[in-house]
Every structure is written in C-alpha cells, then in structure tokens.
N, C-alpha and C. Protein backbone atom coordinates (compact mmCIF):
# COMPACT_ATOMS: atom_id res chain seq x y z
N UNK A 1 70.76 -45.67 60.09
CA UNK A 1 69.71 -45.34 58.73
C UNK A 1 70.23 -44.15 58.12
N UNK A 2 69.99 -44.79 56.77
CA UNK A 2 70.57 -43.94 55.60
C UNK A 2 69.54 -43.10 55.11
N UNK A 3 70.07 -41.44 54.92
CA UNK A 3 69.26 -40.65 54.21
C UNK A 3 68.87 -41.09 53.03
N UNK A 4 67.30 -40.79 52.68
CA UNK A 4 67.10 -41.14 51.02
C UNK A 4 67.60 -40.09 49.95
N UNK A 5 68.09 -40.48 49.12
CA UNK A 5 68.59 -39.99 47.91
C UNK A 5 67.50 -38.52 47.28
N UNK A 6 68.33 -37.25 47.73
CA UNK A 6 67.47 -36.20 47.72
C UNK A 6 67.45 -35.93 45.80
N UNK A 7 66.72 -35.45 44.96
CA UNK A 7 66.19 -35.38 43.83
C UNK A 7 67.17 -34.38 43.43
N UNK A 8 67.49 -34.41 42.07
CA UNK A 8 68.43 -33.57 41.64
C UNK A 8 68.18 -32.49 41.03
N UNK A 9 68.34 -31.19 41.24
CA UNK A 9 67.76 -29.91 40.60
C UNK A 9 67.47 -29.78 39.25
N UNK A 10 66.22 -29.38 38.56
CA UNK A 10 66.43 -29.64 37.46
C UNK A 10 67.25 -28.80 36.45
N UNK A 11 67.57 -29.47 35.89
CA UNK A 11 68.57 -28.88 34.55
C UNK A 11 68.35 -27.24 33.95
N UNK A 12 69.09 -26.54 33.71
CA UNK A 12 69.27 -25.35 33.12
C UNK A 12 68.28 -25.48 31.51
N UNK A 13 68.99 -26.59 31.04
CA UNK A 13 68.29 -27.18 29.33
C UNK A 13 66.93 -27.33 29.55
N UNK A 14 66.48 -28.07 31.18
CA UNK A 14 65.00 -28.42 30.96
C UNK A 14 64.13 -27.52 31.09
N UNK A 15 64.85 -26.37 31.85
CA UNK A 15 63.99 -25.38 32.12
C UNK A 15 63.86 -24.30 30.79
N UNK A 16 64.71 -24.65 29.75
CA UNK A 16 64.75 -23.83 28.79
C UNK A 16 63.41 -24.30 27.77
N UNK A 17 63.73 -25.39 27.77
CA UNK A 17 62.78 -26.48 26.76
C UNK A 17 61.38 -26.08 27.12
N UNK A 18 61.01 -25.96 28.44
CA UNK A 18 59.71 -25.78 29.08
C UNK A 18 59.14 -24.39 28.43
N UNK A 19 60.09 -23.31 28.73
CA UNK A 19 59.57 -22.31 28.36
C UNK A 19 59.37 -21.75 26.64
N UNK A 20 60.35 -22.34 25.99
CA UNK A 20 60.12 -22.75 24.49
C UNK A 20 58.53 -23.45 24.35
N UNK A 21 58.57 -24.07 24.90
CA UNK A 21 57.07 -24.97 24.82
C UNK A 21 55.99 -23.91 25.02
N UNK A 22 56.16 -23.08 25.90
CA UNK A 22 55.01 -22.20 26.11
C UNK A 22 54.64 -21.17 25.16
N UNK A 23 56.20 -20.71 24.97
CA UNK A 23 55.81 -19.58 23.74
C UNK A 23 55.46 -20.17 22.46
N UNK A 24 55.49 -21.46 21.96
CA UNK A 24 55.40 -21.98 20.86
C UNK A 24 53.82 -22.36 20.75
N UNK A 25 53.35 -22.52 22.32
CA UNK A 25 51.65 -22.53 22.42
C UNK A 25 50.98 -21.38 22.31
N UNK A 26 51.69 -20.28 22.84
CA UNK A 26 51.17 -18.73 23.22
C UNK A 26 51.05 -18.34 21.24
N UNK A 27 52.11 -18.55 20.77
CA UNK A 27 52.16 -18.04 19.33
C UNK A 27 51.24 -18.67 18.42
N UNK A 28 51.09 -20.22 18.61
CA UNK A 28 49.83 -20.67 17.82
C UNK A 28 48.39 -20.01 18.29
N UNK A 29 48.51 -19.52 19.45
CA UNK A 29 46.93 -19.25 19.96
C UNK A 29 46.58 -17.89 19.04
N UNK A 30 47.86 -17.14 19.31
CA UNK A 30 47.78 -15.81 18.55
C UNK A 30 47.63 -15.89 16.99
N UNK A 31 48.19 -17.16 16.37
CA UNK A 31 48.07 -17.16 14.96
C UNK A 31 46.43 -17.72 14.47
N UNK A 32 45.66 -18.17 15.46
CA UNK A 32 44.70 -18.52 15.18
C UNK A 32 43.66 -17.90 15.26
N UNK A 33 43.79 -16.66 16.48
CA UNK A 33 42.59 -15.86 16.67
C UNK A 33 43.06 -14.80 15.41
N UNK A 34 44.42 -14.57 14.73
CA UNK A 34 44.75 -13.56 13.81
C UNK A 34 43.96 -14.31 12.64
N UNK A 35 43.61 -15.27 12.48
CA UNK A 35 43.07 -16.08 10.96
C UNK A 35 41.74 -15.52 11.28
N UNK A 36 41.14 -16.20 12.39
CA UNK A 36 39.74 -15.64 12.48
C UNK A 36 39.24 -14.00 12.42
N UNK A 37 40.03 -13.24 12.57
CA UNK A 37 39.76 -11.94 12.43
C UNK A 37 39.79 -11.64 10.81
N UNK A 38 40.91 -12.34 10.29
CA UNK A 38 40.90 -11.85 8.94
C UNK A 38 39.98 -12.47 8.25
N UNK A 39 39.38 -13.90 8.47
CA UNK A 39 38.47 -14.43 7.76
C UNK A 39 37.10 -13.52 7.94
N UNK A 40 36.72 -12.99 9.56
CA UNK A 40 35.78 -12.30 9.56
C UNK A 40 35.58 -11.06 8.46
N UNK A 41 36.80 -10.51 8.57
CA UNK A 41 36.70 -9.25 7.84
C UNK A 41 36.34 -9.52 6.29
N UNK A 42 36.84 -10.44 5.85
CA UNK A 42 36.97 -11.10 4.51
C UNK A 42 35.38 -11.21 4.10
N UNK A 43 34.69 -12.07 5.29
CA UNK A 43 33.39 -12.62 4.96
C UNK A 43 32.37 -11.55 4.05
N UNK A 44 31.44 -12.12 2.95
CA UNK A 44 31.07 -11.08 2.20
C UNK A 44 29.59 -10.65 2.99
N UNK A 45 29.39 -9.24 2.65
CA UNK A 45 28.61 -8.82 3.71
C UNK A 45 26.94 -9.37 3.08
N UNK A 46 26.05 -9.40 3.72
CA UNK A 46 25.08 -9.54 3.73
C UNK A 46 24.20 -8.49 3.05
N UNK A 47 23.39 -8.81 1.76
CA UNK A 47 22.56 -8.06 1.26
C UNK A 47 21.21 -7.96 1.75
N UNK A 48 20.47 -6.86 1.88
CA UNK A 48 19.15 -6.60 2.10
C UNK A 48 18.36 -6.57 0.98
N UNK A 49 17.61 -7.62 0.92
CA UNK A 49 16.69 -7.53 -0.59
C UNK A 49 15.45 -6.89 -0.36
N UNK A 50 15.47 -5.91 -0.81
CA UNK A 50 14.08 -4.68 -1.00
C UNK A 50 12.92 -5.32 -1.38
N UNK A 51 11.87 -5.48 -0.91
CA UNK A 51 10.74 -5.95 -1.81
C UNK A 51 10.32 -4.71 -2.69
N UNK A 52 10.40 -5.10 -3.99
CA UNK A 52 9.93 -4.23 -5.15
C UNK A 52 8.74 -3.62 -4.83
N UNK A 53 7.56 -4.18 -4.07
CA UNK A 53 6.32 -3.88 -3.98
C UNK A 53 6.39 -2.64 -2.65
N UNK A 54 7.23 -2.79 -1.90
CA UNK A 54 7.31 -1.89 -1.06
C UNK A 54 8.10 -0.55 -1.33
N UNK A 55 8.87 -0.90 -2.33
CA UNK A 55 9.69 0.58 -3.22
C UNK A 55 8.43 1.18 -3.76
N UNK A 56 7.73 0.36 -4.53
CA UNK A 56 6.61 0.95 -5.00
C UNK A 56 5.55 1.97 -4.54
N UNK A 57 5.35 1.33 -3.19
CA UNK A 57 4.38 1.82 -2.24
C UNK A 57 5.11 3.17 -1.89
N UNK A 58 6.39 2.91 -1.44
CA UNK A 58 6.79 4.30 -0.90
C UNK A 58 6.94 5.51 -1.71
N UNK A 59 7.00 5.12 -3.05
CA UNK A 59 6.75 6.18 -4.18
C UNK A 59 5.50 6.54 -4.53
N UNK A 60 4.33 5.61 -4.11
CA UNK A 60 2.75 6.29 -4.65
C UNK A 60 2.46 6.87 -2.83
N UNK A 61 1.29 7.93 -3.25
CA UNK A 61 0.90 8.74 -2.50
C UNK A 61 0.27 7.66 -1.57
N UNK A 62 0.09 8.09 -0.23
CA UNK A 62 -0.73 6.79 0.69
C UNK A 62 -2.20 7.36 0.63
N UNK A 63 -2.44 8.74 0.44
CA UNK A 63 -4.10 8.74 0.30
C UNK A 63 -4.39 9.98 -1.12
N UNK A 64 -5.65 10.11 -1.18
CA UNK A 64 -6.19 11.02 -2.11
C UNK A 64 -7.17 12.23 -1.24
N UNK A 65 -7.20 13.15 -1.85
CA UNK A 65 -8.14 14.09 -1.45
C UNK A 65 -9.31 14.08 -2.31
N UNK A 66 -10.60 13.98 -1.74
CA UNK A 66 -11.69 14.09 -2.97
C UNK A 66 -12.90 14.58 -2.19
N UNK A 67 -13.25 15.54 -3.05
CA UNK A 67 -14.27 16.74 -2.70
C UNK A 67 -15.47 16.03 -3.02
N UNK A 68 -16.43 15.59 -2.19
CA UNK A 68 -17.72 14.76 -2.40
C UNK A 68 -18.90 15.79 -2.33
N UNK A 69 -19.40 16.54 -3.45
CA UNK A 69 -20.55 17.39 -3.25
C UNK A 69 -21.89 16.72 -3.97
N UNK A 70 -22.99 17.71 -3.79
CA UNK A 70 -24.12 16.89 -4.23
C UNK A 70 -24.98 16.41 -3.41
N UNK A 71 -25.72 15.12 -3.79
CA UNK A 71 -26.95 14.71 -2.84
C UNK A 71 -26.16 13.62 -2.22
N UNK A 72 -25.36 13.81 -1.17
CA UNK A 72 -24.87 12.93 -0.09
C UNK A 72 -25.41 13.55 1.29
N UNK A 73 -25.24 12.55 2.18
CA UNK A 73 -25.98 12.97 3.70
C UNK A 73 -24.69 14.10 4.30
N UNK A 74 -23.18 13.71 3.78
CA UNK A 74 -22.19 14.71 4.62
C UNK A 74 -21.12 15.00 3.30
N UNK A 75 -21.89 16.09 2.56
CA UNK A 75 -20.93 16.78 1.51
C UNK A 75 -19.50 17.37 2.07
N UNK A 76 -18.74 16.96 1.58
CA UNK A 76 -17.36 17.79 2.09
C UNK A 76 -15.81 17.11 1.73
N UNK A 77 -14.59 17.45 2.05
CA UNK A 77 -13.46 17.05 1.59
C UNK A 77 -12.98 15.68 2.57
N UNK A 78 -12.82 14.61 1.66
CA UNK A 78 -12.49 13.38 2.43
C UNK A 78 -11.25 12.88 1.81
N UNK A 79 -10.43 12.26 2.75
CA UNK A 79 -9.24 11.69 2.68
C UNK A 79 -9.02 10.30 2.66
N UNK A 80 -9.04 9.37 1.46
CA UNK A 80 -9.30 8.18 0.74
C UNK A 80 -8.16 7.55 0.95
N UNK A 81 -7.99 6.20 0.53
CA UNK A 81 -6.75 5.15 0.56
C UNK A 81 -6.58 5.25 -1.02
N UNK A 82 -5.35 5.18 -1.61
CA UNK A 82 -4.84 5.34 -2.42
C UNK A 82 -5.61 4.05 -3.42
N UNK A 83 -5.99 4.15 -4.72
CA UNK A 83 -7.11 2.98 -5.13
C UNK A 83 -8.54 2.80 -5.08
N UNK A 84 -8.98 3.85 -4.39
CA UNK A 84 -10.26 3.99 -3.76
C UNK A 84 -10.95 4.55 -4.74
N UNK A 85 -12.37 3.88 -4.59
CA UNK A 85 -13.43 4.16 -6.00
C UNK A 85 -14.32 4.98 -5.55
N UNK A 86 -15.19 5.25 -6.61
CA UNK A 86 -16.47 6.34 -6.21
C UNK A 86 -17.50 5.80 -5.34
N UNK A 87 -17.40 4.69 -4.86
CA UNK A 87 -18.57 3.76 -3.94
C UNK A 87 -17.62 3.91 -2.43
N UNK A 88 -16.53 4.20 -2.27
CA UNK A 88 -15.61 4.58 -0.80
C UNK A 88 -15.88 5.91 -0.62
N UNK A 89 -15.87 6.68 -1.57
CA UNK A 89 -16.14 8.21 -1.69
C UNK A 89 -17.55 8.45 -1.10
N UNK A 90 -17.96 7.54 -1.64
CA UNK A 90 -19.82 8.22 -1.50
C UNK A 90 -19.95 7.43 0.24
N UNK A 91 -19.38 6.79 0.36
CA UNK A 91 -19.61 5.98 2.00
C UNK A 91 -18.99 6.54 2.85
N UNK A 92 -17.89 7.41 2.40
CA UNK A 92 -17.22 8.21 3.12
C UNK A 92 -17.85 9.44 3.75
N UNK A 93 -18.70 10.20 2.56
CA UNK A 93 -19.77 11.22 2.78
C UNK A 93 -21.25 10.80 3.20
N UNK A 94 -21.19 9.55 3.87
CA UNK A 94 -22.15 9.38 4.47
C UNK A 94 -23.20 8.58 3.70
N UNK A 95 -23.26 8.08 2.39
CA UNK A 95 -24.19 7.63 1.78
C UNK A 95 -24.75 8.37 0.65
N UNK A 96 -25.61 8.26 0.06
CA UNK A 96 -26.48 8.52 -1.00
C UNK A 96 -27.63 9.50 0.02
N UNK A 97 -28.22 10.53 -0.28
CA UNK A 97 -29.04 11.39 0.59
C UNK A 97 -30.36 10.45 -0.64
N UNK A 98 -31.69 11.04 0.18
CA UNK A 98 -32.88 10.77 -0.34
C UNK A 98 -32.83 10.86 -1.49
N UNK A 99 -32.75 12.05 -2.15
CA UNK A 99 -32.79 12.73 -3.57
C UNK A 99 -31.72 12.18 -4.33
N UNK A 100 -31.04 11.56 -4.06
CA UNK A 100 -29.78 11.07 -5.14
C UNK A 100 -30.28 10.31 -6.18
N UNK A 101 -29.48 10.32 -7.15
CA UNK A 101 -30.17 9.45 -8.58
C UNK A 101 -28.66 8.60 -8.61
N UNK A 102 -28.51 7.39 -7.47
CA UNK A 102 -27.42 6.76 -7.51
C UNK A 102 -27.25 5.83 -9.23
N UNK A 103 -27.88 5.49 -10.03
CA UNK A 103 -27.77 5.14 -11.61
C UNK A 103 -27.07 6.06 -12.22
N UNK A 104 -26.90 7.47 -11.94
CA UNK A 104 -26.09 8.53 -12.47
C UNK A 104 -24.71 8.72 -12.21
N UNK A 105 -24.25 7.62 -11.13
CA UNK A 105 -22.83 7.56 -10.89
C UNK A 105 -22.13 6.26 -10.78
N UNK A 106 -21.24 6.13 -11.27
CA UNK A 106 -20.38 4.98 -11.76
C UNK A 106 -19.66 4.76 -10.52
N UNK A 107 -20.12 3.78 -9.63
CA UNK A 107 -19.67 3.28 -8.52
C UNK A 107 -18.24 3.05 -8.42
N UNK A 108 -18.00 2.31 -9.72
CA UNK A 108 -16.79 1.11 -9.80
C UNK A 108 -15.49 2.21 -10.25
N UNK A 109 -15.63 3.45 -10.64
CA UNK A 109 -14.53 4.08 -11.02
C UNK A 109 -13.98 4.51 -9.68
N UNK A 110 -12.20 4.17 -10.12
CA UNK A 110 -11.22 5.01 -9.50
C UNK A 110 -11.54 6.22 -9.41
N UNK A 111 -11.19 6.96 -8.14
CA UNK A 111 -11.37 8.48 -7.61
C UNK A 111 -9.68 8.89 -7.92
N UNK A 112 -9.70 10.45 -8.50
CA UNK A 112 -8.24 11.00 -8.20
C UNK A 112 -7.85 11.79 -7.45
N UNK A 113 -6.62 11.85 -7.10
CA UNK A 113 -6.34 12.84 -5.97
C UNK A 113 -6.92 14.37 -6.58
N UNK A 114 -7.58 14.97 -5.62
CA UNK A 114 -7.84 16.40 -6.07
C UNK A 114 -9.25 16.56 -6.81
N UNK A 115 -9.90 15.57 -6.84
CA UNK A 115 -10.84 15.72 -8.02
C UNK A 115 -12.21 15.72 -6.80
N UNK A 116 -13.25 16.24 -7.80
CA UNK A 116 -14.50 16.76 -7.08
C UNK A 116 -15.67 16.03 -7.61
N UNK A 117 -16.11 15.06 -6.65
CA UNK A 117 -17.08 13.94 -7.28
C UNK A 117 -18.62 14.61 -7.01
N UNK A 118 -19.18 14.83 -7.95
CA UNK A 118 -20.54 15.52 -8.00
C UNK A 118 -21.45 14.17 -7.98
N UNK A 119 -22.46 14.10 -7.17
CA UNK A 119 -23.62 12.93 -7.08
C UNK A 119 -24.96 13.71 -7.19
N UNK A 120 -25.24 13.64 -8.43
CA UNK A 120 -26.28 14.53 -9.09
C UNK A 120 -27.46 13.93 -8.60
N UNK A 121 -28.52 14.56 -8.18
CA UNK A 121 -30.20 14.70 -7.80
C UNK A 121 -30.96 14.12 -8.62
N UNK A 122 -31.99 13.31 -8.12
CA UNK A 122 -33.07 13.15 -9.23
C UNK A 122 -33.55 14.01 -10.41
N UNK A 123 -33.64 15.17 -9.66
CA UNK A 123 -33.99 16.15 -10.74
C UNK A 123 -33.04 16.85 -11.83
N UNK A 124 -31.93 16.65 -11.09
CA UNK A 124 -30.65 16.92 -12.10
C UNK A 124 -30.73 15.71 -13.19
N UNK A 125 -30.49 14.55 -13.05
CA UNK A 125 -30.44 13.63 -13.92
C UNK A 125 -31.73 13.83 -14.92
N UNK A 126 -33.30 14.27 -14.20
CA UNK A 126 -34.19 14.37 -15.20
C UNK A 126 -34.00 15.32 -16.22
N UNK A 127 -33.28 16.52 -15.81
CA UNK A 127 -32.89 17.58 -16.55
C UNK A 127 -31.76 17.36 -17.69
N UNK A 128 -31.08 16.40 -17.23
CA UNK A 128 -29.95 16.00 -18.22
C UNK A 128 -30.47 14.93 -19.33
N UNK A 129 -31.66 14.35 -18.66
CA UNK A 129 -32.49 13.37 -19.85
C UNK A 129 -33.05 14.09 -21.05
N UNK A 130 -33.47 15.48 -20.21
CA UNK A 130 -34.37 15.87 -21.15
C UNK A 130 -34.11 16.52 -22.89
N UNK A 131 -32.98 16.41 -22.92
CA UNK A 131 -31.56 16.86 -24.41
C UNK A 131 -30.62 16.40 -24.14
N UNK A 132 -29.85 17.38 -25.47
CA UNK A 132 -28.53 17.34 -25.27
C UNK A 132 -27.59 18.31 -24.30
N UNK A 133 -28.57 18.82 -23.58
CA UNK A 133 -27.98 19.77 -22.48
C UNK A 133 -27.22 21.07 -22.51
N UNK A 134 -27.70 21.76 -23.83
CA UNK A 134 -26.85 23.09 -24.23
C UNK A 134 -27.16 24.07 -23.06
N UNK A 135 -26.22 24.72 -22.73
CA UNK A 135 -26.36 25.87 -21.97
C UNK A 135 -27.22 27.20 -22.57
N UNK A 136 -27.73 27.76 -21.98
CA UNK A 136 -28.79 28.96 -22.34
C UNK A 136 -27.74 29.97 -23.69
N UNK A 137 -26.44 29.81 -23.40
CA UNK A 137 -25.47 30.75 -24.77
C UNK A 137 -25.51 29.71 -25.82
N UNK A 138 -26.22 28.52 -26.02
CA UNK A 138 -26.02 27.48 -26.88
C UNK A 138 -24.68 26.51 -27.11
N UNK A 139 -23.81 26.99 -25.56
CA UNK A 139 -22.53 26.11 -25.70
C UNK A 139 -22.90 24.51 -24.83
N UNK A 140 -22.31 23.71 -25.67
CA UNK A 140 -22.64 22.53 -25.02
C UNK A 140 -21.91 21.84 -23.76
N UNK A 141 -22.63 21.38 -22.56
CA UNK A 141 -21.76 20.81 -21.26
C UNK A 141 -21.07 19.79 -21.43
N UNK A 142 -19.78 19.59 -21.40
CA UNK A 142 -19.03 18.33 -21.55
C UNK A 142 -19.47 17.43 -20.41
N UNK A 143 -19.99 17.77 -19.43
CA UNK A 143 -20.29 16.73 -18.06
C UNK A 143 -21.74 16.54 -18.31
N UNK A 144 -22.50 17.14 -19.29
CA UNK A 144 -23.99 16.55 -19.50
C UNK A 144 -24.29 16.28 -20.53
N UNK A 145 -23.75 16.23 -21.70
CA UNK A 145 -24.12 16.24 -23.00
C UNK A 145 -24.03 14.67 -23.47
N UNK A 146 -24.66 14.14 -24.27
CA UNK A 146 -24.83 12.79 -24.66
C UNK A 146 -24.35 12.54 -25.55
N UNK A 147 -23.93 11.66 -26.31
CA UNK A 147 -23.19 11.32 -27.53
C UNK A 147 -23.52 12.10 -29.05
N UNK A 148 -25.18 11.93 -28.91
CA UNK A 148 -25.69 12.70 -30.31
C UNK A 148 -25.28 14.33 -30.15
N UNK A 149 -25.31 14.84 -28.67
CA UNK A 149 -24.66 16.58 -28.58
C UNK A 149 -23.26 16.85 -29.10
N UNK A 150 -22.42 15.73 -28.57
CA UNK A 150 -21.36 16.03 -28.87
C UNK A 150 -20.87 15.69 -30.45
N UNK A 151 -21.62 15.01 -30.84
CA UNK A 151 -21.70 14.51 -32.51
C UNK A 151 -22.02 15.89 -33.04
N UNK A 152 -22.43 16.75 -32.81
CA UNK A 152 -22.99 17.92 -33.50
C UNK A 152 -21.55 18.95 -33.61
N UNK A 153 -20.94 18.73 -32.90
CA UNK A 153 -19.40 19.54 -32.62
C UNK A 153 -19.08 19.39 -33.92
N UNK A 154 -18.23 20.45 -34.54
CA UNK A 154 -17.66 20.25 -35.56
C UNK A 154 -16.00 19.51 -35.72
N UNK A 155 -15.87 18.77 -36.26
CA UNK A 155 -14.39 17.82 -36.43
C UNK A 155 -14.52 16.72 -34.92
N UNK A 156 -15.91 16.78 -34.89
CA UNK A 156 -16.12 15.56 -33.68
C UNK A 156 -17.59 14.41 -34.17
N UNK A 157 -16.86 13.46 -34.81
CA UNK A 157 -17.61 12.43 -35.27
C UNK A 157 -17.70 11.35 -33.77
N UNK A 158 -19.01 10.26 -34.35
CA UNK A 158 -19.67 9.23 -33.33
C UNK A 158 -18.28 8.59 -32.76
N UNK A 159 -16.90 8.41 -33.13
CA UNK A 159 -15.99 7.76 -32.34
C UNK A 159 -15.16 8.69 -31.35
N UNK A 160 -15.02 9.80 -31.82
CA UNK A 160 -14.52 10.94 -31.09
C UNK A 160 -15.51 11.36 -29.92
N UNK A 161 -16.55 11.49 -30.07
CA UNK A 161 -17.70 11.74 -29.06
C UNK A 161 -17.76 10.72 -28.27
N UNK A 162 -17.69 9.37 -28.71
CA UNK A 162 -17.35 8.19 -27.49
C UNK A 162 -15.96 8.17 -26.93
N UNK A 163 -14.97 8.65 -27.43
CA UNK A 163 -14.02 8.79 -26.59
C UNK A 163 -14.05 9.77 -25.30
N UNK A 164 -14.72 10.97 -26.12
CA UNK A 164 -15.00 11.94 -24.91
C UNK A 164 -15.89 11.42 -23.65
N UNK A 165 -17.08 10.34 -24.02
CA UNK A 165 -17.80 9.83 -22.94
C UNK A 165 -17.04 8.95 -22.35
N UNK A 166 -15.90 8.28 -22.77
CA UNK A 166 -14.93 7.00 -22.19
C UNK A 166 -14.29 7.82 -20.92
N UNK A 167 -13.66 9.12 -21.39
CA UNK A 167 -12.83 9.76 -20.56
C UNK A 167 -13.53 10.22 -19.21
N UNK A 168 -14.79 10.92 -19.75
CA UNK A 168 -15.66 11.28 -18.77
C UNK A 168 -16.11 10.45 -17.51
N UNK A 169 -16.51 9.19 -18.02
CA UNK A 169 -16.71 8.00 -17.01
C UNK A 169 -15.53 7.57 -16.41
N UNK A 170 -14.43 7.71 -16.76
CA UNK A 170 -13.09 7.08 -16.29
C UNK A 170 -12.72 8.24 -15.25
N UNK A 171 -12.63 9.38 -15.48
CA UNK A 171 -11.77 10.29 -14.79
C UNK A 171 -12.64 11.34 -14.02
N UNK A 172 -14.47 11.04 -14.23
CA UNK A 172 -15.12 12.13 -13.67
C UNK A 172 -15.34 13.48 -14.60
N UNK A 173 -16.01 14.22 -13.98
CA UNK A 173 -16.35 15.80 -14.61
C UNK A 173 -15.20 16.45 -15.08
N UNK A 174 -15.35 17.11 -16.11
CA UNK A 174 -14.44 18.09 -16.59
C UNK A 174 -14.38 18.94 -15.62
N UNK A 175 -13.06 19.70 -15.53
CA UNK A 175 -13.15 20.81 -14.88
C UNK A 175 -12.93 21.87 -15.19
N UNK A 176 -12.50 21.61 -16.62
CA UNK A 176 -12.11 22.94 -17.57
C UNK A 176 -12.14 22.02 -19.03
N UNK A 177 -12.53 23.44 -19.74
CA UNK A 177 -12.28 22.64 -21.27
C UNK A 177 -11.07 22.11 -21.76
N UNK A 178 -9.93 22.80 -21.40
CA UNK A 178 -8.63 22.30 -21.54
C UNK A 178 -8.42 20.91 -21.05
N UNK A 179 -9.35 19.97 -20.40
CA UNK A 179 -9.35 18.86 -20.08
C UNK A 179 -9.29 17.85 -21.15
N UNK A 180 -10.10 18.54 -22.42
CA UNK A 180 -10.29 17.94 -23.46
C UNK A 180 -9.25 17.30 -24.28
N UNK A 181 -7.76 18.31 -23.97
CA UNK A 181 -6.53 17.80 -24.34
C UNK A 181 -6.07 16.35 -24.04
N UNK A 182 -6.91 15.72 -22.80
CA UNK A 182 -6.28 14.87 -22.15
C UNK A 182 -7.37 13.48 -22.90
N UNK A 183 -8.16 13.66 -23.93
CA UNK A 183 -8.57 12.78 -24.68
C UNK A 183 -8.26 12.42 -25.95
N UNK A 184 -7.92 11.00 -26.21
CA UNK A 184 -6.95 10.52 -27.19
C UNK A 184 -7.75 11.13 -28.58
N UNK A 185 -6.61 11.77 -29.27
CA UNK A 185 -6.83 12.14 -30.70
C UNK A 185 -7.44 13.52 -30.77
N UNK A 186 -7.52 14.33 -29.34
CA UNK A 186 -8.02 15.78 -29.50
C UNK A 186 -6.55 16.76 -29.05
N UNK A 187 -5.95 17.34 -29.84
CA UNK A 187 -4.88 18.15 -30.04
C UNK A 187 -4.83 19.89 -29.94
N UNK A 188 -4.07 20.29 -29.81
CA UNK A 188 -4.28 21.83 -29.67
C UNK A 188 -5.20 22.74 -30.77
N UNK A 189 -5.38 22.48 -32.06
CA UNK A 189 -5.87 22.71 -32.89
C UNK A 189 -7.73 22.72 -32.88
N UNK A 190 -7.76 21.23 -32.58
CA UNK A 190 -9.09 20.96 -32.26
C UNK A 190 -9.60 21.75 -31.23
N UNK A 191 -8.67 21.65 -30.25
CA UNK A 191 -9.40 22.39 -28.61
C UNK A 191 -9.64 23.87 -29.33
N UNK A 192 -8.76 24.65 -29.88
CA UNK A 192 -8.88 25.75 -30.28
C UNK A 192 -10.34 25.94 -30.92
N UNK A 193 -10.83 24.97 -32.10
CA UNK A 193 -11.84 25.10 -32.69
C UNK A 193 -13.29 24.73 -32.06
N UNK A 194 -12.90 24.30 -30.44
CA UNK A 194 -14.28 23.82 -29.80
C UNK A 194 -14.42 24.89 -28.54
N UNK A 195 -13.24 25.51 -28.34
CA UNK A 195 -13.20 26.18 -26.92
C UNK A 195 -14.67 27.04 -26.86
N UNK A 196 -15.07 27.81 -27.97
CA UNK A 196 -15.95 28.57 -27.93
C UNK A 196 -17.40 28.19 -28.02
N UNK A 197 -17.59 26.88 -28.28
CA UNK A 197 -18.94 25.59 -28.37
C UNK A 197 -19.24 25.22 -27.24
N UNK A 198 -17.90 24.99 -26.36
CA UNK A 198 -18.34 23.96 -25.13
C UNK A 198 -18.03 24.55 -23.73
N UNK A 199 -18.69 24.13 -22.72
CA UNK A 199 -18.57 24.47 -21.41
C UNK A 199 -18.67 23.59 -20.19
N UNK A 200 -18.31 23.55 -19.27
CA UNK A 200 -18.22 22.85 -18.16
C UNK A 200 -19.28 23.12 -17.13
C-alpha cells in the first residue's frame, strides 16, 4: 500500500499575495473612516431659531408694582402681571369697598409700573361733581378738574383740555405738575405758565 501524496507547502509568493490583500482591506477601511470624519466635520451646524416673541418677553418686565389706595377692601402694594388692567388691580386689592364709586374708575385702563391707583369713595365723587374742583388757594387740580375747568387756564383751549383728560384716563392720576409735559402739545414754556395755576 502506497502512501498518499502530501500537499506541497504554500509557496512564498502565495503568502506574500495574501498579506498584500489584507493590507489593502485595512487601508480601504481607514480611508472610509477618514472620509466619514471629514464629512462630519464639514457638515453645516444646525442653527437655533429664537422665537421673536420669546426675545421680546425676555426684555419686558414680568411684573408691575401698583399701589392701590382708597375705597378698596385691602389697600396696599400689589405685584401684577405685565399687561394687567385696573380691574386686575382692584381685584387684587379685594374688590371695591361698600363706599366705593366704581363708575369713577376706568376698569379697562392698563396699569403701569410704579403707579398709585386711587379708587374714590362716593362722597369724593360727589365733591368732584360739585364744580371745577379748585383748591382753596384757587389752583385747579389736574386729577379732578373737568374740561370746563381746564379750559379756563391760559393757553389751554377745549382741544388741549381734552388732551389732558385723555392722558389722565389712559395713564391714571397726575403725580406732579411736571407730568403735563407728557401731554401732546405741552412744552416747557406752557408748563411754566401753568405751574402756579394747577396742582395735583
């Protein structure tokens, strides 16, 4: 019985070809990974879009401080949301007292930060209706005067008197005579001519 022929050992050339193929595969993988890294680095950065309303809200104070006085159940200083109106301030102060005159207050008017909101009692409103509400020294009170009383002031005609009333309705009580400068059409010269004739 003859022995089976044994396989010839692989030649050095075949071993060299196999090693070269492995090197080629490794190089191909390295190139693929490198391309992926380069593409990832050059991909556009996603931009975050900021809602314009959020930016505006961030710049706007989140609350206003309002001092509510007069004929309410709980007078005091209250912190209200921005955009609050007189009705919100009155509600925060416990609502109208029994002696209040609700008709004398513009509930729809927006309140402003640092404002003092005075709710008049019924007897205050009656006193205001009795006439042009001059002070005892003859000066006209900008917070209680009507159009006819304001019209008696020098350089103030009916149109300007109405502007003063409109400003008062929109912004609340005058805190000083200098507040007249905020009324359209009133400048420093006119204010100087009115300073000794009006009060708050």
